[in-house]
Amino acid sequence: MASKKKSNESAGGSAKKIRRSGGDAVEFLKEKAQSEYSIRQQELGLQRKEQEARARQQELQIELLRKQQEQQVQIS
């Protein structure tokens, strides 16, 4: 790491660190949290839709089995 700093200095770059205000960090974290919250809400919505689709599929399978059983009873 020291060689990188020296190469910056020799290339005319400044070795000074730029300090940002605490407000920048807070704003960044706020935006990051909002973004993560939005993504999480979308994921939960997709999971809910998938679960509803699976439940509907199971209902259809049960109904199909019930109809098949009724047909077998009628044939007997």
PDB file of N, CA and C in Angstrom:
ATOM      1  N   MET A   1       0.810  -1.191   0.000  1.00  0.00           N
ATOM      2  CA  MET A   1       0.000   0.000   0.000  1.00  0.00           C
ATOM      3  C   MET A   1       0.858   1.261   0.000  1.00  0.00           C
ATOM      4  N   ALA A   2       1.981   1.185   0.672  1.00  0.00           N
ATOM      5  CA  ALA A   2       2.855   2.353   0.738  1.00  0.00           C
ATOM      6  C   ALA A   2       3.394   2.682  -0.648  1.00  0.00           C
ATOM      7  N   SER A   3       3.686   1.662  -1.458  1.00  0.00           N
ATOM      8  CA  SER A   3       4.203   1.918  -2.795  1.00  0.00           C
ATOM      9  C   SER A   3       3.160   2.608  -3.657  1.00  0.00           C
ATOM     10  N   LYS A   4       1.894   2.288  -3.446  1.00  0.00           N
ATOM     11  CA  LYS A   4       0.828   2.945  -4.200  1.00  0.00           C
ATOM     12  C   LYS A   4       0.786   4.432  -3.845  1.00  0.00           C
ATOM     13  N   LYS A   5       0.931   4.728  -2.557  1.00  0.00           N
ATOM     14  CA  LYS A   5       0.913   6.117  -2.107  1.00  0.00           C
ATOM     15  C   LYS A   5       2.108   6.870  -2.698  1.00  0.00           C
ATOM     16  N   LYS A   6       3.257   6.241  -2.682  1.00  0.00           N
ATOM     17  CA  LYS A   6       4.447   6.877  -3.233  1.00  0.00           C
ATOM     18  C   LYS A   6       4.307   7.095  -4.729  1.00  0.00           C
ATOM     19  N   SER A   7       3.701   6.131  -5.431  1.00  0.00           N
ATOM     20  CA  SER A   7       3.556   6.288  -6.877  1.00  0.00           C
ATOM     21  C   SER A   7       2.590   7.425  -7.189  1.00  0.00           C
ATOM     22  N   ASN A   8       1.558   7.619  -6.361  1.00  0.00           N
ATOM     23  CA  ASN A   8       0.646   8.738  -6.556  1.00  0.00           C
ATOM     24  C   ASN A   8       1.373  10.071  -6.351  1.00  0.00           C
ATOM     25  N   GLU A   9       2.213  10.122  -5.343  1.00  0.00           N
ATOM     26  CA  GLU A   9       2.937  11.351  -5.059  1.00  0.00           C
ATOM     27  C   GLU A   9       3.927  11.663  -6.171  1.00  0.00           C
ATOM     28  N   SER A  10       4.603  10.635  -6.675  1.00  0.00           N
ATOM     29  CA  SER A  10       5.593  10.871  -7.717  1.00  0.00           C
ATOM     30  C   SER A  10       4.932  11.205  -9.047  1.00  0.00           C
ATOM     31  N   ALA A  11       3.690  10.770  -9.246  1.00  0.00           N
ATOM     32  CA  ALA A  11       2.988  11.066 -10.497  1.00  0.00           C
ATOM     33  C   ALA A  11       2.305  12.424 -10.425  1.00  0.00           C
ATOM     34  N   GLY A  12       2.539  13.160  -9.385  1.00  0.00           N
ATOM     35  CA  GLY A  12       1.967  14.491  -9.264  1.00  0.00           C
ATOM     36  C   GLY A  12       0.641  14.475  -8.519  1.00  0.00           C
ATOM     37  N   GLY A  13       0.190  13.307  -8.067  1.00  0.00           N
ATOM     38  CA  GLY A  13      -1.061  13.202  -7.327  1.00  0.00           C
ATOM     39  C   GLY A  13      -0.886  13.661  -5.904  1.00  0.00           C
ATOM     40  N   SER A  14      -1.951  13.981  -5.278  1.00  0.00           N
ATOM     41  CA  SER A  14      -1.898  14.434  -3.900  1.00  0.00           C
ATOM     42  C   SER A  14      -2.150  13.253  -2.974  1.00  0.00           C
ATOM     43  N   ALA A  15      -1.434  13.187  -1.900  1.00  0.00           N
ATOM     44  CA  ALA A  15      -1.604  12.120  -0.939  1.00  0.00           C
ATOM     45  C   ALA A  15      -2.633  12.512   0.116  1.00  0.00           C
ATOM     46  N   LYS A  16      -3.216  13.702  -0.013  1.00  0.00           N
ATOM     47  CA  LYS A  16      -4.204  14.166   0.960  1.00  0.00           C
ATOM     48  C   LYS A  16      -5.466  13.343   0.876  1.00  0.00           C
ATOM     49  N   LYS A  17      -6.040  13.063   2.017  1.00  0.00           N
ATOM     50  CA  LYS A  17      -7.321  12.390   2.062  1.00  0.00           C
ATOM     51  C   LYS A  17      -8.418  13.444   2.044  1.00  0.00           C
ATOM     52  N   ILE A  18      -9.450  13.160   1.302  1.00  0.00           N
ATOM     53  CA  ILE A  18     -10.584  14.083   1.259  1.00  0.00           C
ATOM     54  C   ILE A  18     -11.560  13.661   2.346  1.00  0.00           C
ATOM     55  N   ARG A  19     -11.854  14.558   3.227  1.00  0.00           N
ATOM     56  CA  ARG A  19     -12.807  14.260   4.292  1.00  0.00           C
ATOM     57  C   ARG A  19     -14.182  14.754   3.886  1.00  0.00           C
ATOM     58  N   ARG A  20     -15.119  13.892   4.057  1.00  0.00           N
ATOM     59  CA  ARG A  20     -16.496  14.255   3.738  1.00  0.00           C
ATOM     60  C   ARG A  20     -17.234  14.497   5.044  1.00  0.00           C
ATOM     61  N   SER A  21     -18.278  15.257   4.952  1.00  0.00           N
ATOM     62  CA  SER A  21     -19.024  15.558   6.164  1.00  0.00           C
ATOM     63  C   SER A  21     -19.827  14.331   6.596  1.00  0.00           C
ATOM     64  N   GLY A  22     -20.209  14.308   7.839  1.00  0.00           N
ATOM     65  CA  GLY A  22     -21.020  13.214   8.367  1.00  0.00           C
ATOM     66  C   GLY A  22     -22.379  13.152   7.709  1.00  0.00           C
ATOM     67  N   GLY A  23     -22.854  14.282   7.234  1.00  0.00           N
ATOM     68  CA  GLY A  23     -24.146  14.331   6.551  1.00  0.00           C
ATOM     69  C   GLY A  23     -24.144  13.514   5.279  1.00  0.00           C
ATOM     70  N   ASP A  24     -23.008  13.500   4.570  1.00  0.00           N
ATOM     71  CA  ASP A  24     -22.905  12.692   3.356  1.00  0.00           C
ATOM     72  C   ASP A  24     -23.068  11.214   3.687  1.00  0.00           C
ATOM     73  N   ALA A  25     -22.434  10.779   4.757  1.00  0.00           N
ATOM     74  CA  ALA A  25     -22.522   9.373   5.158  1.00  0.00           C
ATOM     75  C   ALA A  25     -23.948   9.026   5.561  1.00  0.00           C
ATOM     76  N   VAL A  26     -24.578   9.915   6.309  1.00  0.00           N
ATOM     77  CA  VAL A  26     -25.957   9.670   6.743  1.00  0.00           C
ATOM     78  C   VAL A  26     -26.880   9.602   5.536  1.00  0.00           C
ATOM     79  N   GLU A  27     -26.689  10.520   4.600  1.00  0.00           N
ATOM     80  CA  GLU A  27     -27.526  10.529   3.389  1.00  0.00           C
ATOM     81  C   GLU A  27     -27.323   9.256   2.577  1.00  0.00           C
ATOM     82  N   PHE A  28     -26.068   8.832   2.447  1.00  0.00           N
ATOM     83  CA  PHE A  28     -25.771   7.601   1.723  1.00  0.00           C
ATOM     84  C   PHE A  28     -26.444   6.409   2.391  1.00  0.00           C
ATOM     85  N   LEU A  29     -26.321   6.322   3.704  1.00  0.00           N
ATOM     86  CA  LEU A  29     -26.924   5.194   4.422  1.00  0.00           C
ATOM     87  C   LEU A  29     -28.446   5.222   4.331  1.00  0.00           C
ATOM     88  N   LYS A  30     -29.016   6.421   4.359  1.00  0.00           N
ATOM     89  CA  LYS A  30     -30.472   6.547   4.235  1.00  0.00           C
ATOM     90  C   LYS A  30     -30.937   6.044   2.867  1.00  0.00           C
ATOM     91  N   GLU A  31     -30.235   6.470   1.812  1.00  0.00           N
ATOM     92  CA  GLU A  31     -30.589   6.034   0.461  1.00  0.00           C
ATOM     93  C   GLU A  31     -30.404   4.527   0.304  1.00  0.00           C
ATOM     94  N   LYS A  32     -29.333   4.016   0.891  1.00  0.00           N
ATOM     95  CA  LYS A  32     -29.073   2.579   0.816  1.00  0.00           C
ATOM     96  C   LYS A  32     -30.178   1.805   1.527  1.00  0.00           C
ATOM     97  N   ALA A  33     -30.590   2.262   2.688  1.00  0.00           N
ATOM     98  CA  ALA A  33     -31.648   1.597   3.447  1.00  0.00           C
ATOM     99  C   ALA A  33     -32.966   1.638   2.679  1.00  0.00           C
ATOM    100  N   GLN A  34     -33.267   2.781   2.059  1.00  0.00           N
ATOM    101  CA  GLN A  34     -34.504   2.887   1.279  1.00  0.00           C
ATOM    102  C   GLN A  34     -34.471   1.948   0.081  1.00  0.00           C
ATOM    103  N   SER A  35     -33.327   1.856  -0.558  1.00  0.00           N
ATOM    104  CA  SER A  35     -33.174   0.967  -1.705  1.00  0.00           C
ATOM    105  C   SER A  35     -33.344  -0.494  -1.283  1.00  0.00           C
ATOM    106  N   GLU A  36     -32.708  -0.873  -0.189  1.00  0.00           N
ATOM    107  CA  GLU A  36     -32.817  -2.243   0.318  1.00  0.00           C
ATOM    108  C   GLU A  36     -34.246  -2.553   0.737  1.00  0.00           C
ATOM    109  N   TYR A  37     -34.931  -1.582   1.338  1.00  0.00           N
ATOM    110  CA  TYR A  37     -36.317  -1.770   1.745  1.00  0.00           C
ATOM    111  C   TYR A  37     -37.206  -1.999   0.524  1.00  0.00           C
ATOM    112  N   SER A  38     -36.989  -1.210  -0.506  1.00  0.00           N
ATOM    113  CA  SER A  38     -37.768  -1.341  -1.734  1.00  0.00           C
ATOM    114  C   SER A  38     -37.547  -2.708  -2.373  1.00  0.00           C
ATOM    115  N   ILE A  39     -36.303  -3.126  -2.441  1.00  0.00           N
ATOM    116  CA  ILE A  39     -35.982  -4.434  -3.011  1.00  0.00           C
ATOM    117  C   ILE A  39     -36.620  -5.540  -2.186  1.00  0.00           C
ATOM    118  N   ARG A  40     -36.569  -5.421  -0.875  1.00  0.00           N
ATOM    119  CA  ARG A  40     -37.150  -6.437   0.016  1.00  0.00           C
ATOM    120  C   ARG A  40     -38.667  -6.520  -0.184  1.00  0.00           C
ATOM    121  N   GLN A  41     -39.314  -5.371  -0.338  1.00  0.00           N
ATOM    122  CA  GLN A  41     -40.757  -5.365  -0.560  1.00  0.00           C
ATOM    123  C   GLN A  41     -41.099  -6.065  -1.877  1.00  0.00           C
ATOM    124  N   GLN A  42     -40.296  -5.816  -2.900  1.00  0.00           N
ATOM    125  CA  GLN A  42     -40.520  -6.483  -4.183  1.00  0.00           C
ATOM    126  C   GLN A  42     -40.340  -7.988  -4.054  1.00  0.00           C
ATOM    127  N   GLU A  43     -39.299  -8.403  -3.329  1.00  0.00           N
ATOM    128  CA  GLU A  43     -39.058  -9.835  -3.116  1.00  0.00           C
ATOM    129  C   GLU A  43     -40.220 -10.477  -2.373  1.00  0.00           C
ATOM    130  N   LEU A  44     -40.712  -9.801  -1.347  1.00  0.00           N
ATOM    131  CA  LEU A  44     -41.841 -10.339  -0.590  1.00  0.00           C
ATOM    132  C   LEU A  44     -43.088 -10.444  -1.457  1.00  0.00           C
ATOM    133  N   GLY A  45     -43.302  -9.462  -2.316  1.00  0.00           N
ATOM    134  CA  GLY A  45     -44.438  -9.507  -3.229  1.00  0.00           C
ATOM    135  C   GLY A  45     -44.346 -10.689  -4.182  1.00  0.00           C
ATOM    136  N   LEU A  46     -43.152 -10.932  -4.706  1.00  0.00           N
ATOM    137  CA  LEU A  46     -42.960 -12.070  -5.598  1.00  0.00           C
ATOM    138  C   LEU A  46     -43.163 -13.387  -4.860  1.00  0.00           C
ATOM    139  N   GLN A  47     -42.648 -13.479  -3.646  1.00  0.00           N
ATOM    140  CA  GLN A  47     -42.824 -14.694  -2.855  1.00  0.00           C
ATOM    141  C   GLN A  47     -44.296 -14.947  -2.580  1.00  0.00           C
ATOM    142  N   ARG A  48     -45.043 -13.878  -2.283  1.00  0.00           N
ATOM    143  CA  ARG A  48     -46.471 -14.002  -2.014  1.00  0.00           C
ATOM    144  C   ARG A  48     -47.205 -14.517  -3.253  1.00  0.00           C
ATOM    145  N   LYS A  49     -46.863 -13.957  -4.416  1.00  0.00           N
ATOM    146  CA  LYS A  49     -47.495 -14.399  -5.657  1.00  0.00           C
ATOM    147  C   LYS A  49     -47.163 -15.853  -5.961  1.00  0.00           C
ATOM    148  N   GLU A  50     -45.915 -16.247  -5.747  1.00  0.00           N
ATOM    149  CA  GLU A  50     -45.516 -17.632  -5.979  1.00  0.00           C
ATOM    150  C   GLU A  50     -46.263 -18.573  -5.041  1.00  0.00           C
ATOM    151  N   GLN A  51     -46.403 -18.174  -3.793  1.00  0.00           N
ATOM    152  CA  GLN A  51     -47.110 -19.003  -2.820  1.00  0.00           C
ATOM    153  C   GLN A  51     -48.578 -19.141  -3.208  1.00  0.00           C
ATOM    154  N   GLU A  52     -49.197 -18.049  -3.655  1.00  0.00           N
ATOM    155  CA  GLU A  52     -50.587 -18.100  -4.087  1.00  0.00           C
ATOM    156  C   GLU A  52     -50.744 -19.006  -5.300  1.00  0.00           C
ATOM    157  N   ALA A  53     -49.786 -18.945  -6.222  1.00  0.00           N
ATOM    158  CA  ALA A  53     -49.832 -19.791  -7.414  1.00  0.00           C
ATOM    159  C   ALA A  53     -49.697 -21.268  -7.029  1.00  0.00           C
ATOM    160  N   ARG A  54     -48.803 -21.570  -6.084  1.00  0.00           N
ATOM    161  CA  ARG A  54     -48.649 -22.956  -5.630  1.00  0.00           C
ATOM    162  C   ARG A  54     -49.921 -23.450  -4.951  1.00  0.00           C
ATOM    163  N   ALA A  55     -50.524 -22.592  -4.140  1.00  0.00           N
ATOM    164  CA  ALA A  55     -51.761 -22.976  -3.446  1.00  0.00           C
ATOM    165  C   ALA A  55     -52.861 -23.240  -4.465  1.00  0.00           C
ATOM    166  N   ARG A  56     -52.973 -22.397  -5.471  1.00  0.00           N
ATOM    167  CA  ARG A  56     -53.986 -22.585  -6.518  1.00  0.00           C
ATOM    168  C   ARG A  56     -53.740 -23.883  -7.273  1.00  0.00           C
ATOM    169  N   GLN A  57     -52.477 -24.176  -7.573  1.00  0.00           N
ATOM    170  CA  GLN A  57     -52.125 -25.417  -8.262  1.00  0.00           C
ATOM    171  C   GLN A  57     -52.515 -26.631  -7.419  1.00  0.00           C
ATOM    172  N   GLN A  58     -52.273 -26.569  -6.128  1.00  0.00           N
ATOM    173  CA  GLN A  58     -52.654 -27.670  -5.239  1.00  0.00           C
ATOM    174  C   GLN A  58     -54.170 -27.842  -5.213  1.00  0.00           C
ATOM    175  N   GLU A  59     -54.900 -26.739  -5.187  1.00  0.00           N
ATOM    176  CA  GLU A  59     -56.357 -26.813  -5.207  1.00  0.00           C
ATOM    177  C   GLU A  59     -56.856 -27.479  -6.481  1.00  0.00           C
ATOM    178  N   LEU A  60     -56.243 -27.127  -7.600  1.00  0.00           N
ATOM    179  CA  LEU A  60     -56.629 -27.734  -8.873  1.00  0.00           C
ATOM    180  C   LEU A  60     -56.321 -29.233  -8.888  1.00  0.00           C
ATOM    181  N   GLN A  61     -55.191 -29.624  -8.342  1.00  0.00           N
ATOM    182  CA  GLN A  61     -54.836 -31.042  -8.280  1.00  0.00           C
ATOM    183  C   GLN A  61     -55.810 -31.811  -7.400  1.00  0.00           C
ATOM    184  N   ILE A  62     -56.182 -31.238  -6.277  1.00  0.00           N
ATOM    185  CA  ILE A  62     -57.141 -31.889  -5.370  1.00  0.00           C
ATOM    186  C   ILE A  62     -58.489 -32.038  -6.066  1.00  0.00           C
ATOM    187  N   GLU A  63     -58.920 -30.996  -6.751  1.00  0.00           N
ATOM    188  CA  GLU A  63     -60.191 -31.047  -7.482  1.00  0.00           C
ATOM    189  C   GLU A  63     -60.150 -32.123  -8.563  1.00  0.00           C
ATOM    190  N   LEU A  64     -59.038 -32.228  -9.267  1.00  0.00           N
ATOM    191  CA  LEU A  64     -58.890 -33.238 -10.302  1.00  0.00           C
ATOM    192  C   LEU A  64     -58.950 -34.638  -9.697  1.00  0.00           C
ATOM    193  N   LEU A  65     -58.273 -34.845  -8.591  1.00  0.00           N
ATOM    194  CA  LEU A  65     -58.318 -36.154  -7.919  1.00  0.00           C
ATOM    195  C   LEU A  65     -59.733 -36.483  -7.461  1.00  0.00           C
ATOM    196  N   ARG A  66     -60.435 -35.507  -6.944  1.00  0.00           N
ATOM    197  CA  ARG A  66     -61.803 -35.715  -6.485  1.00  0.00           C
ATOM    198  C   ARG A  66     -62.695 -36.137  -7.661  1.00  0.00           C
ATOM    199  N   LYS A  67     -62.551 -35.480  -8.791  1.00  0.00           N
ATOM    200  CA  LYS A  67     -63.345 -35.825  -9.971  1.00  0.00           C
ATOM    201  C   LYS A  67     -63.014 -37.227 -10.469  1.00  0.00           C
ATOM    202  N   GLN A  68     -61.734 -37.583 -10.439  1.00  0.00           N
ATOM    203  CA  GLN A  68     -61.337 -38.922 -10.861  1.00  0.00           C
ATOM    204  C   GLN A  68     -61.948 -39.980  -9.952  1.00  0.00           C
ATOM    205  N   GLN A  69     -61.953 -39.716  -8.645  1.00  0.00           N
ATOM    206  CA  GLN A  69     -62.532 -40.664  -7.695  1.00  0.00           C
ATOM    207  C   GLN A  69     -64.039 -40.798  -7.934  1.00  0.00           C
ATOM    208  N   GLU A  70     -64.714 -39.692  -8.215  1.00  0.00           N
ATOM    209  CA  GLU A  70     -66.150 -39.726  -8.474  1.00  0.00           C
ATOM    210  C   GLU A  70     -66.444 -40.555  -9.727  1.00  0.00           C
ATOM    211  N   GLN A  71     -65.607 -40.398 -10.744  1.00  0.00           N
ATOM    212  CA  GLN A  71     -65.793 -41.176 -11.964  1.00  0.00           C
ATOM    213  C   GLN A  71     -65.590 -42.662 -11.703  1.00  0.00           C
ATOM    214  N   GLN A  72     -64.601 -43.009 -10.872  1.00  0.00           N
ATOM    215  CA  GLN A  72     -64.360 -44.412 -10.558  1.00  0.00           C
ATOM    216  C   GLN A  72     -65.526 -45.001  -9.778  1.00  0.00           C
ATOM    217  N   VAL A  73     -66.103 -44.210  -8.885  1.00  0.00           N
ATOM    218  CA  VAL A  73     -67.244 -44.682  -8.098  1.00  0.00           C
ATOM    219  C   VAL A  73     -68.442 -44.896  -9.022  1.00  0.00           C
ATOM    220  N   GLN A  74     -68.655 -44.008  -9.956  1.00  0.00           N
ATOM    221  CA  GLN A  74     -69.775 -44.125 -10.885  1.00  0.00           C
ATOM    222  C   GLN A  74     -69.620 -45.323 -11.804  1.00  0.00           C
ATOM    223  N   ILE A  75     -68.397 -45.647 -12.186  1.00  0.00           N
ATOM    224  CA  ILE A  75     -68.149 -46.797 -13.065  1.00  0.00           C
ATOM    225  C   ILE A  75     -68.395 -48.099 -12.313  1.00  0.00           C
ATOM    226  N   SER A  76     -68.079 -48.151 -11.037  1.00  0.00           N
ATOM    227  CA  SER A  76     -68.200 -49.381 -10.247  1.00  0.00           C
ATOM    228  C   SER A  76     -69.600 -49.816 -10.026  1.00  0.00           C
TER     229      SER A  76
END
